[in-house]
């Protein structure tokens, strides 16, 4: 994904397909100083198997901007994705602390 680092992929088996999903950090050939990178710039992406060894799609996960997508779980025919973000997407000190 252009201008995105995908360092920590996760997997989910759901409806006879294998999904890989990840939260991505914003990157750029001329990145802003590290002090300006923020959890609020995260964005989730996913790809899935089409029943063979090929992967279908690579899509942005709608509604994940500003969230670091982390784990999934399934219950029946629904899959749930959790993520973390800063409260009210606040821009402030780096780190996880109480603001996440």
Protein backbone atom coordinates (compact mmCIF):
# COMPACT_ATOMS: atom_id res chain seq x y z
CA UNK A 1 0.00 0.00 0.00
CA UNK A 2 1.40 3.30 -1.10
CA UNK A 3 2.79 5.41 1.75
CA UNK A 4 1.89 2.74 4.33
CA UNK A 5 4.00 0.41 6.48
CA UNK A 6 2.34 -2.93 7.27
CA UNK A 7 4.51 -4.33 10.07
CA UNK A 8 2.08 -6.51 12.00
CA UNK A 9 -0.40 -8.56 9.92
CA UNK A 10 -3.05 -10.76 11.55
CA UNK A 11 -5.16 -13.59 10.17
CA UNK A 12 -8.82 -14.61 10.40
CA UNK A 13 -10.54 -17.68 8.96
CA UNK A 14 -14.12 -16.67 8.19
CA UNK A 15 -16.77 -18.05 5.82
CA UNK A 16 -14.29 -20.50 4.26
CA UNK A 17 -11.80 -17.76 3.43
CA UNK A 18 -8.52 -16.68 4.92
CA UNK A 19 -8.27 -12.96 5.63
CA UNK A 20 -5.11 -11.04 6.41
CA UNK A 21 -5.56 -7.62 7.93
CA UNK A 22 -3.27 -5.01 9.42
CA UNK A 23 -3.12 -1.58 10.90
CA UNK A 24 -0.70 0.56 8.92
CA UNK A 25 1.55 3.44 9.86
CA UNK A 26 1.77 6.40 7.52
CA UNK A 27 5.08 6.55 5.66
CA UNK A 28 6.44 8.65 2.84
CA UNK A 29 9.73 8.83 0.91
CA UNK A 30 10.22 12.15 2.73
CA UNK A 31 8.54 11.37 6.04
CA UNK A 32 7.68 14.07 8.52
CA UNK A 33 9.75 14.09 11.71
CA UNK A 34 8.91 11.16 14.00
CA UNK A 35 7.54 13.62 16.54
CA UNK A 36 4.80 14.49 14.01
CA UNK A 37 3.71 10.89 13.37
CA UNK A 38 0.70 10.05 15.42
CA UNK A 39 -1.58 7.09 16.18
CA UNK A 40 -4.35 9.14 14.55
CA UNK A 41 -2.74 8.53 11.12
CA UNK A 42 -3.27 4.75 11.28
CA UNK A 43 -5.41 3.07 8.65
CA UNK A 44 -6.51 -0.58 8.32
CA UNK A 45 -6.19 -2.74 5.20
CA UNK A 46 -7.19 -6.30 4.36
CA UNK A 47 -6.84 -8.97 1.67
CA UNK A 48 -8.45 -12.41 1.44
CA UNK A 49 -8.02 -15.74 -0.21
CA UNK A 50 -10.37 -16.69 -3.01
CA UNK A 51 -10.23 -20.40 -2.27
CA UNK A 52 -6.86 -20.93 -3.94
CA UNK A 53 -3.34 -19.81 -3.27
CA UNK A 54 -4.08 -16.41 -4.82
CA UNK A 55 -5.08 -13.36 -2.80
CA UNK A 56 -8.05 -11.24 -3.81
CA UNK A 57 -8.07 -7.51 -3.35
CA UNK A 58 -6.23 -5.30 -0.99
CA UNK A 59 -8.76 -2.92 0.41
CA UNK A 60 -8.77 -0.11 2.89
CA UNK A 61 -11.02 -1.01 5.81
CA UNK A 62 -13.65 1.70 5.86
CA UNK A 63 -13.97 3.42 9.23
CA UNK A 64 -10.48 2.52 10.46
CA UNK A 65 -8.70 5.84 9.89
CA UNK A 66 -7.25 6.90 13.21
CA UNK A 67 -7.56 3.37 14.64
CA UNK A 68 -4.83 0.78 14.96
CA UNK A 69 -6.70 -2.41 14.02
CA UNK A 70 -5.58 -5.23 16.20
CA UNK A 71 -7.68 -8.34 16.72
CA UNK A 72 -10.70 -10.05 15.27
CA UNK A 73 -13.15 -12.55 16.59
CA UNK A 74 -16.09 -14.22 15.03
CA UNK A 75 -19.42 -15.19 16.46
CA UNK A 76 -21.75 -17.09 14.20
CA UNK A 77 -21.80 -15.42 10.79
CA UNK A 78 -20.34 -12.12 11.99
CA UNK A 79 -16.73 -11.05 12.38
CA UNK A 80 -15.73 -8.31 14.80
CA UNK A 81 -12.64 -6.16 14.49
CA UNK A 82 -11.26 -4.22 17.42
CA UNK A 83 -8.86 -1.35 17.25
CA UNK A 84 -7.46 1.29 19.47
CA UNK A 85 -7.34 5.03 19.10
CA UNK A 86 -6.75 8.12 21.18
CA UNK A 87 -9.80 9.40 23.02
CA UNK A 88 -11.56 11.86 20.71
CA UNK A 89 -8.55 11.43 18.35
CA UNK A 90 -6.61 13.85 20.52
CA UNK A 91 -3.17 14.90 19.33
CA UNK A 92 -0.80 14.94 22.25
CA UNK A 93 2.13 13.20 23.89
CA UNK A 94 3.35 10.02 22.26
CA UNK A 95 2.92 6.68 23.93
CA UNK A 96 0.00 4.56 24.93
CA UNK A 97 -0.77 5.95 28.38
CA UNK A 98 -4.32 6.63 29.51
CA UNK A 99 -5.20 8.47 26.29
CA UNK A 100 -5.52 5.27 24.20
